[in-house]
């Protein structure tokens, strides 16, 4: 499980709305965030890094499959759980990829 990040400029607004618990950001704040993503090439490398971590973990685990679910971007945690259920998974271990503990980071995943 990971926080998530937009993978394109088109995903910035839905991402920003999601982290604001469904409240769309004011235009000036959205423009500021879009500008920040433009400044780093239109997307953050976070998704690619997280997906590489998932693949690396799966490789180390051998025959145990892994899924990536993100809190604020696609694929979401519910998407991952649905995929797991379709694959017949009935029990799972969750690994939260956050560098620190707080109720707003790791604590939120337990909800």
Foldseek 3Di string as FASTA:
>chain_A
DEADWDPFLVCQQQLVCVVVVNHGDDPVVNVVVQVVCVVVPGTDCVVVVVVVVQVVVCVVVDPDHGDDAHPRDPPHPVVRVVVCVVVVDDDDDDDYPDPDDDCVGVVVVVD
